[in-house]
Amino acid sequence: MIHTSELCRRFHVGDSWVHALDCVDLNVNKGEFVAVMGTSGSGKSTLMNILGCLDTPNDGRYRLLDHEVAELDDDALSRIRNQHIGFVFQSFHLLPRLTALENVMLPMRYSDADLDVSRQNAERLLQRLGLADRMDHKPNQLSGGQRQRVAIARSLINNPPLLLADEPTGNLDSKTSVEIMELFTELNRIGQTIVMVTHEDEIAAFARRVIQMRDGKIESDQVH
């Protein structure tokens, strides 16, 4: 599903270059649950941005779902992000004026899906995630865990083959974090491919494979 070869990303800082990614080779197969760990500045967030087609490397190759990403134009990249990748962020990124149901339906506005079918799918996802009685609530009426569940439902609305999660429990207490990770585990059990960035050992332990990054390189890659 994911293949990178000698992936490099450099940033010009002052009079020097910072190598955020330094010749990273990575393969992720369908159905894997991968945690990417590392301290601040290790390159894990830069890697996630490139995998999500939110940033581009300076050198190297990235192949996603049989697409050479460097060969895609802006429209094709937008379609990839909307239809093939689900994003879950630490800060939820829900629109405050929309209800939970409307937030989940947002990605469908940029597709050709029927509105009624989209609504039914969004309702089913929210019910499945334990939010049947919160569909008409706005984000400020929800707890942190409930907001993250809405964000997860939104990420799944287009049935994406790949789910990318960037510190998905970063703003949650420990009990709610475990609940969210148990949800991720269940999604993976039924076939969802997940790549997750985290700095917490307890959260990474839910993944089947843990990659440690340091100074823009993969330091270790272990399967539990």
C-alpha atoms as a PDB file:
ATOM      1  CA  MET A   1       0.000   0.000   0.000  1.00  0.00           C
ATOM      2  CA  ILE A   2       2.839   2.394   0.919  1.00  0.00           C
ATOM      3  CA  HIS A   3       6.326   2.260  -0.539  1.00  0.00           C
ATOM      4  CA  THR A   4       8.983   4.917  -0.104  1.00  0.00           C
ATOM      5  CA  SER A   5      12.525   4.757  -1.424  1.00  0.00           C
ATOM      6  CA  GLU A   6      15.329   7.074  -0.247  1.00  0.00           C
ATOM      7  CA  LEU A   7      12.779   9.688   0.778  1.00  0.00           C
ATOM      8  CA  CYS A   8      14.404  12.999   1.720  1.00  0.00           C
ATOM      9  CA  ARG A   9      12.938  16.268   2.971  1.00  0.00           C
ATOM     10  CA  ARG A  10      15.091  19.289   3.681  1.00  0.00           C
ATOM     11  CA  PHE A  11      14.222  22.698   5.079  1.00  0.00           C
ATOM     12  CA  HIS A  12      16.325  25.817   4.741  1.00  0.00           C
ATOM     13  CA  VAL A  13      16.824  27.337   8.195  1.00  0.00           C
ATOM     14  CA  GLY A  14      19.022  30.414   8.335  1.00  0.00           C
ATOM     15  CA  ASP A  15      22.265  29.658   6.540  1.00  0.00           C
ATOM     16  CA  SER A  16      21.946  25.880   6.743  1.00  0.00           C
ATOM     17  CA  TRP A  17      19.753  22.986   5.689  1.00  0.00           C
ATOM     18  CA  VAL A  18      17.885  20.790   8.157  1.00  0.00           C
ATOM     19  CA  HIS A  19      17.310  17.195   7.037  1.00  0.00           C
ATOM     20  CA  ALA A  20      13.874  16.347   8.421  1.00  0.00           C
ATOM     21  CA  LEU A  21      13.910  13.068   6.477  1.00  0.00           C
ATOM     22  CA  ASP A  22      17.168  11.453   5.431  1.00  0.00           C
ATOM     23  CA  CYS A  23      16.831   8.644   2.842  1.00  0.00           C
ATOM     24  CA  VAL A  24      13.856   6.867   4.424  1.00  0.00           C
ATOM     25  CA  ASP A  25      12.834   3.485   3.011  1.00  0.00           C
ATOM     26  CA  LEU A  26       9.434   2.291   4.224  1.00  0.00           C
ATOM     27  CA  ASN A  27       6.891  -0.328   3.208  1.00  0.00           C
ATOM     28  CA  VAL A  28       3.425  -0.650   4.746  1.00  0.00           C
ATOM     29  CA  ASN A  29       1.174  -3.478   3.619  1.00  0.00           C
ATOM     30  CA  LYS A  30      -2.604  -3.570   3.548  1.00  0.00           C
ATOM     31  CA  GLY A  31      -4.087  -4.353   6.953  1.00  0.00           C
ATOM     32  CA  GLU A  32      -1.108  -3.275   9.037  1.00  0.00           C
ATOM     33  CA  PHE A  33      -1.318  -1.129  12.170  1.00  0.00           C
ATOM     34  CA  VAL A  34       1.916   0.868  12.398  1.00  0.00           C
ATOM     35  CA  ALA A  35       2.999   3.313  15.090  1.00  0.00           C
ATOM     36  CA  VAL A  36       5.702   5.835  14.215  1.00  0.00           C
ATOM     37  CA  MET A  37       7.573   7.139  17.254  1.00  0.00           C
ATOM     38  CA  GLY A  38      10.360   9.591  17.943  1.00  0.00           C
ATOM     39  CA  THR A  39      11.250  12.694  19.870  1.00  0.00           C
ATOM     40  CA  SER A  40      10.474  16.189  18.620  1.00  0.00           C
ATOM     41  CA  GLY A  41      12.510  16.808  15.468  1.00  0.00           C
ATOM     42  CA  SER A  42      12.934  13.113  14.673  1.00  0.00           C
ATOM     43  CA  GLY A  43      11.030  13.430  11.378  1.00  0.00           C
ATOM     44  CA  LYS A  44       7.884  11.527  12.271  1.00  0.00           C
ATOM     45  CA  SER A  45       5.461  14.386  11.541  1.00  0.00           C
ATOM     46  CA  THR A  46       7.258  15.244   8.296  1.00  0.00           C
ATOM     47  CA  LEU A  47       6.946  11.611   7.244  1.00  0.00           C
ATOM     48  CA  MET A  48       3.232  11.640   8.096  1.00  0.00           C
ATOM     49  CA  ASN A  49       2.676  14.808   6.045  1.00  0.00           C
ATOM     50  CA  ILE A  50       4.348  13.249   3.018  1.00  0.00           C
ATOM     51  CA  LEU A  51       2.437   9.978   3.394  1.00  0.00           C
ATOM     52  CA  GLY A  52      -0.784  12.012   3.521  1.00  0.00           C
ATOM     53  CA  CYS A  53       0.168  13.939   0.358  1.00  0.00           C
ATOM     54  CA  LEU A  54       0.209  17.164   2.379  1.00  0.00           C
ATOM     55  CA  ASP A  55       3.893  17.767   1.644  1.00  0.00           C
ATOM     56  CA  THR A  56       6.351  16.686  -1.036  1.00  0.00           C
ATOM     57  CA  PRO A  57       9.870  15.282  -0.656  1.00  0.00           C
ATOM     58  CA  ASN A  58      12.977  16.891  -2.134  1.00  0.00           C
ATOM     59  CA  ASP A  59      14.299  13.523  -3.276  1.00  0.00           C
ATOM     60  CA  GLY A  60      13.241   9.906  -3.395  1.00  0.00           C
ATOM     61  CA  ARG A  61      10.069   8.115  -4.444  1.00  0.00           C
ATOM     62  CA  TYR A  62       6.691   7.650  -2.824  1.00  0.00           C
ATOM     63  CA  ARG A  63       4.267   5.102  -4.230  1.00  0.00           C
ATOM     64  CA  LEU A  64       0.776   5.000  -2.705  1.00  0.00           C
ATOM     65  CA  LEU A  65      -1.898   2.532  -3.784  1.00  0.00           C
ATOM     66  CA  ASP A  66      -0.131   1.904  -7.116  1.00  0.00           C
ATOM     67  CA  HIS A  67       0.213   5.654  -7.783  1.00  0.00           C
ATOM     68  CA  GLU A  68       3.546   7.378  -8.189  1.00  0.00           C
ATOM     69  CA  VAL A  69       2.700  10.431  -6.096  1.00  0.00           C
ATOM     70  CA  ALA A  70       5.248  12.680  -7.808  1.00  0.00           C
ATOM     71  CA  GLU A  71       3.408  12.142 -11.114  1.00  0.00           C
ATOM     72  CA  LEU A  72       0.014  13.313  -9.792  1.00  0.00           C
ATOM     73  CA  ASP A  73      -1.288  16.821 -10.460  1.00  0.00           C
ATOM     74  CA  ASP A  74      -3.089  18.908  -7.835  1.00  0.00           C
ATOM     75  CA  ASP A  75      -6.554  17.604  -8.752  1.00  0.00           C
ATOM     76  CA  ALA A  76      -5.395  13.985  -8.539  1.00  0.00           C
ATOM     77  CA  LEU A  77      -3.734  14.639  -5.186  1.00  0.00           C
ATOM     78  CA  SER A  78      -6.960  16.186  -3.876  1.00  0.00           C
ATOM     79  CA  ARG A  79      -8.901  13.097  -4.960  1.00  0.00           C
ATOM     80  CA  ILE A  80      -6.346  10.831  -3.270  1.00  0.00           C
ATOM     81  CA  ARG A  81      -6.608  12.781  -0.006  1.00  0.00           C
ATOM     82  CA  ASN A  82     -10.400  12.868  -0.081  1.00  0.00           C
ATOM     83  CA  GLN A  83     -11.206   9.367  -1.266  1.00  0.00           C
ATOM     84  CA  HIS A  84      -8.285   7.165  -0.249  1.00  0.00           C
ATOM     85  CA  ILE A  85      -6.866   8.642   2.964  1.00  0.00           C
ATOM     86  CA  GLY A  86      -8.644   9.285   6.244  1.00  0.00           C
ATOM     87  CA  PHE A  87      -7.021  11.806   8.580  1.00  0.00           C
ATOM     88  CA  VAL A  88      -7.305  11.939  12.371  1.00  0.00           C
ATOM     89  CA  PHE A  89      -5.557  14.821  14.145  1.00  0.00           C
ATOM     90  CA  GLN A  90      -4.686  15.633  17.729  1.00  0.00           C
ATOM     91  CA  SER A  91      -6.831  18.785  17.682  1.00  0.00           C
ATOM     92  CA  PHE A  92      -9.852  17.116  16.024  1.00  0.00           C
ATOM     93  CA  HIS A  93     -10.281  19.897  13.407  1.00  0.00           C
ATOM     94  CA  LEU A  94     -14.062  19.904  13.623  1.00  0.00           C
ATOM     95  CA  LEU A  95     -15.983  22.911  12.322  1.00  0.00           C
ATOM     96  CA  PRO A  96     -17.572  24.544  15.400  1.00  0.00           C
ATOM     97  CA  ARG A  97     -20.778  25.692  13.722  1.00  0.00           C
ATOM     98  CA  LEU A  98     -21.636  22.260  12.325  1.00  0.00           C
ATOM     99  CA  THR A  99     -23.227  19.387  14.186  1.00  0.00           C
ATOM    100  CA  ALA A 100     -21.449  16.075  14.654  1.00  0.00           C
ATOM    101  CA  LEU A 101     -23.426  14.620  11.749  1.00  0.00           C
ATOM    102  CA  GLU A 102     -22.613  17.554   9.475  1.00  0.00           C
ATOM    103  CA  ASN A 103     -18.920  17.341  10.353  1.00  0.00           C
ATOM    104  CA  VAL A 104     -18.855  13.661   9.462  1.00  0.00           C
ATOM    105  CA  MET A 105     -20.534  14.383   6.125  1.00  0.00           C
ATOM    106  CA  LEU A 106     -18.033  17.105   5.140  1.00  0.00           C
ATOM    107  CA  PRO A 107     -15.780  14.931   2.909  1.00  0.00           C
ATOM    108  CA  MET A 108     -18.825  13.865   0.904  1.00  0.00           C
ATOM    109  CA  ARG A 109     -19.332  17.450  -0.288  1.00  0.00           C
ATOM    110  CA  TYR A 110     -16.318  16.963  -2.527  1.00  0.00           C
ATOM    111  CA  SER A 111     -17.529  13.720  -4.078  1.00  0.00           C
ATOM    112  CA  ASP A 112     -20.388  12.663  -6.330  1.00  0.00           C
ATOM    113  CA  ALA A 113     -22.144  10.722  -3.582  1.00  0.00           C
ATOM    114  CA  ASP A 114     -25.886  11.066  -3.116  1.00  0.00           C
ATOM    115  CA  LEU A 115     -26.685  13.356  -0.161  1.00  0.00           C
ATOM    116  CA  ASP A 116     -29.271  11.007   1.377  1.00  0.00           C
ATOM    117  CA  VAL A 117     -26.914   8.044   1.093  1.00  0.00           C
ATOM    118  CA  SER A 118     -24.136  10.127   2.642  1.00  0.00           C
ATOM    119  CA  ARG A 119     -26.354  11.065   5.559  1.00  0.00           C
ATOM    120  CA  GLN A 120     -27.331   7.438   6.140  1.00  0.00           C
ATOM    121  CA  ASN A 121     -23.683   6.356   6.067  1.00  0.00           C
ATOM    122  CA  ALA A 122     -22.700   9.127   8.488  1.00  0.00           C
ATOM    123  CA  GLU A 123     -25.510   8.178  10.857  1.00  0.00           C
ATOM    124  CA  ARG A 124     -24.428   4.523  10.794  1.00  0.00           C
ATOM    125  CA  LEU A 125     -20.832   5.470  11.559  1.00  0.00           C
ATOM    126  CA  LEU A 126     -21.829   7.661  14.495  1.00  0.00           C
ATOM    127  CA  GLN A 127     -24.084   4.920  15.845  1.00  0.00           C
ATOM    128  CA  ARG A 128     -21.263   2.409  15.465  1.00  0.00           C
ATOM    129  CA  LEU A 129     -18.939   4.716  17.414  1.00  0.00           C
ATOM    130  CA  GLY A 130     -21.399   5.161  20.269  1.00  0.00           C
ATOM    131  CA  LEU A 131     -22.652   8.629  19.326  1.00  0.00           C
ATOM    132  CA  ALA A 132     -26.233   7.864  18.293  1.00  0.00           C
ATOM    133  CA  ASP A 133     -27.537  10.413  20.807  1.00  0.00           C
ATOM    134  CA  ARG A 134     -24.969  13.104  19.918  1.00  0.00           C
ATOM    135  CA  MET A 135     -25.512  13.526  16.179  1.00  0.00           C
ATOM    136  CA  ASP A 136     -27.156  16.938  16.501  1.00  0.00           C
ATOM    137  CA  HIS A 137     -24.635  18.248  19.042  1.00  0.00           C
ATOM    138  CA  LYS A 138     -21.992  20.779  18.062  1.00  0.00           C
ATOM    139  CA  PRO A 139     -18.329  20.235  19.031  1.00  0.00           C
ATOM    140  CA  ASN A 140     -18.504  22.524  22.095  1.00  0.00           C
ATOM    141  CA  GLN A 141     -21.296  20.296  23.428  1.00  0.00           C
ATOM    142  CA  LEU A 142     -19.121  17.171  23.239  1.00  0.00           C
ATOM    143  CA  SER A 143     -16.339  15.812  25.415  1.00  0.00           C
ATOM    144  CA  GLY A 144     -12.823  15.432  24.036  1.00  0.00           C
ATOM    145  CA  GLY A 145     -13.327  11.716  23.487  1.00  0.00           C
ATOM    146  CA  GLN A 146     -16.627  12.295  21.726  1.00  0.00           C
ATOM    147  CA  ARG A 147     -15.051  14.914  19.466  1.00  0.00           C
ATOM    148  CA  GLN A 148     -12.284  12.503  18.532  1.00  0.00           C
ATOM    149  CA  ARG A 149     -14.876   9.827  17.736  1.00  0.00           C
ATOM    150  CA  VAL A 150     -16.616  12.310  15.443  1.00  0.00           C
ATOM    151  CA  ALA A 151     -13.254  13.004  13.786  1.00  0.00           C
ATOM    152  CA  ILE A 152     -12.694   9.267  13.346  1.00  0.00           C
ATOM    153  CA  ALA A 153     -16.158   8.841  11.842  1.00  0.00           C
ATOM    154  CA  ARG A 154     -15.397  11.684   9.424  1.00  0.00           C
ATOM    155  CA  SER A 155     -12.109  10.015   8.448  1.00  0.00           C
ATOM    156  CA  LEU A 156     -13.965   6.780   7.629  1.00  0.00           C
ATOM    157  CA  ILE A 157     -16.948   8.217   5.726  1.00  0.00           C
ATOM    158  CA  ASN A 158     -15.397   7.552   2.292  1.00  0.00           C
ATOM    159  CA  ASN A 159     -14.210   4.048   3.263  1.00  0.00           C
ATOM    160  CA  PRO A 160     -10.553   5.000   2.736  1.00  0.00           C
ATOM    161  CA  PRO A 161      -8.061   2.143   2.455  1.00  0.00           C
ATOM    162  CA  LEU A 162      -5.572   4.125   4.577  1.00  0.00           C
ATOM    163  CA  LEU A 163      -6.094   5.875   7.916  1.00  0.00           C
ATOM    164  CA  LEU A 164      -3.407   8.333   9.097  1.00  0.00           C
ATOM    165  CA  ALA A 165      -3.532   9.436  12.725  1.00  0.00           C
ATOM    166  CA  ASP A 166      -1.271  12.183  14.089  1.00  0.00           C
ATOM    167  CA  GLU A 167      -1.108  12.063  17.917  1.00  0.00           C
ATOM    168  CA  PRO A 168      -4.798  11.023  18.061  1.00  0.00           C
ATOM    169  CA  THR A 169      -4.814  10.833  21.871  1.00  0.00           C
ATOM    170  CA  GLY A 170      -2.670  13.914  22.520  1.00  0.00           C
ATOM    171  CA  ASN A 171      -5.534  15.996  23.927  1.00  0.00           C
ATOM    172  CA  LEU A 172      -7.272  13.191  25.809  1.00  0.00           C
ATOM    173  CA  ASP A 173      -7.044  11.832  29.344  1.00  0.00           C
ATOM    174  CA  SER A 174      -5.631   8.346  29.882  1.00  0.00           C
ATOM    175  CA  LYS A 175      -9.008   6.563  30.160  1.00  0.00           C
ATOM    176  CA  THR A 176     -10.363   8.169  27.002  1.00  0.00           C
ATOM    177  CA  SER A 177      -7.058   7.508  25.214  1.00  0.00           C
ATOM    178  CA  VAL A 178      -7.417   3.788  25.886  1.00  0.00           C
ATOM    179  CA  GLU A 179     -10.996   3.869  24.582  1.00  0.00           C
ATOM    180  CA  ILE A 180      -9.868   5.547  21.350  1.00  0.00           C
ATOM    181  CA  MET A 181      -7.020   3.078  20.908  1.00  0.00           C
ATOM    182  CA  GLU A 182      -9.354   0.139  21.489  1.00  0.00           C
ATOM    183  CA  LEU A 183     -11.496   1.602  18.710  1.00  0.00           C
ATOM    184  CA  PHE A 184      -8.454   1.778  16.428  1.00  0.00           C
ATOM    185  CA  THR A 185      -7.610  -1.824  17.317  1.00  0.00           C
ATOM    186  CA  GLU A 186     -11.117  -2.922  16.365  1.00  0.00           C
ATOM    187  CA  LEU A 187     -10.952  -1.019  13.064  1.00  0.00           C
ATOM    188  CA  ASN A 188      -7.634  -2.704  12.289  1.00  0.00           C
ATOM    189  CA  ARG A 189      -9.031  -6.102  13.244  1.00  0.00           C
ATOM    190  CA  ILE A 190     -11.667  -5.784  10.515  1.00  0.00           C
ATOM    191  CA  GLY A 191      -9.068  -4.780   7.921  1.00  0.00           C
ATOM    192  CA  GLN A 192      -8.367  -1.054   8.222  1.00  0.00           C
ATOM    193  CA  THR A 193      -4.766  -0.051   7.488  1.00  0.00           C
ATOM    194  CA  ILE A 194      -3.556   2.471  10.073  1.00  0.00           C
ATOM    195  CA  VAL A 195      -0.364   4.504  10.354  1.00  0.00           C
ATOM    196  CA  MET A 196      -0.207   6.497  13.587  1.00  0.00           C
ATOM    197  CA  VAL A 197       2.286   9.020  14.925  1.00  0.00           C
ATOM    198  CA  THR A 198       2.690   9.066  18.702  1.00  0.00           C
ATOM    199  CA  HIS A 199       5.326   9.854  21.305  1.00  0.00           C
ATOM    200  CA  GLU A 200       3.710   7.675  23.986  1.00  0.00           C
ATOM    201  CA  ASP A 201       4.895   4.099  24.547  1.00  0.00           C
ATOM    202  CA  GLU A 202       1.523   3.131  26.035  1.00  0.00           C
ATOM    203  CA  ILE A 203      -0.286   4.247  22.879  1.00  0.00           C
ATOM    204  CA  ALA A 204       2.240   2.708  20.478  1.00  0.00           C
ATOM    205  CA  ALA A 205       1.790  -0.624  22.276  1.00  0.00           C
ATOM    206  CA  PHE A 206      -1.643  -0.962  20.671  1.00  0.00           C
ATOM    207  CA  ALA A 207      -0.043  -1.156  17.213  1.00  0.00           C
ATOM    208  CA  ARG A 208       1.283  -4.386  15.739  1.00  0.00           C
ATOM    209  CA  ARG A 209       4.405  -2.709  14.400  1.00  0.00           C
ATOM    210  CA  VAL A 210       6.454   0.114  15.913  1.00  0.00           C
ATOM    211  CA  ILE A 211       8.902   2.266  13.967  1.00  0.00           C
ATOM    212  CA  GLN A 212      11.349   4.453  15.893  1.00  0.00           C
ATOM    213  CA  MET A 213      12.724   7.531  14.137  1.00  0.00           C
ATOM    214  CA  ARG A 214      15.775   9.597  15.043  1.00  0.00           C
ATOM    215  CA  ASP A 215      17.379  12.489  13.180  1.00  0.00           C
ATOM    216  CA  GLY A 216      15.271  11.900  10.086  1.00  0.00           C
ATOM    217  CA  LYS A 217      16.107   8.205   9.819  1.00  0.00           C
ATOM    218  CA  ILE A 218      14.356   4.985  10.789  1.00  0.00           C
ATOM    219  CA  GLU A 219      16.309   3.739  13.792  1.00  0.00           C
ATOM    220  CA  SER A 220      14.330   0.546  14.403  1.00  0.00           C
ATOM    221  CA  ASP A 221      11.330  -1.268  12.939  1.00  0.00           C
ATOM    222  CA  GLN A 222       9.824  -4.002  15.096  1.00  0.00           C
ATOM    223  CA  VAL A 223       6.724  -6.194  14.816  1.00  0.00           C
ATOM    224  CA  HIS A 224       4.978  -7.184  18.037  1.00  0.00           C
END
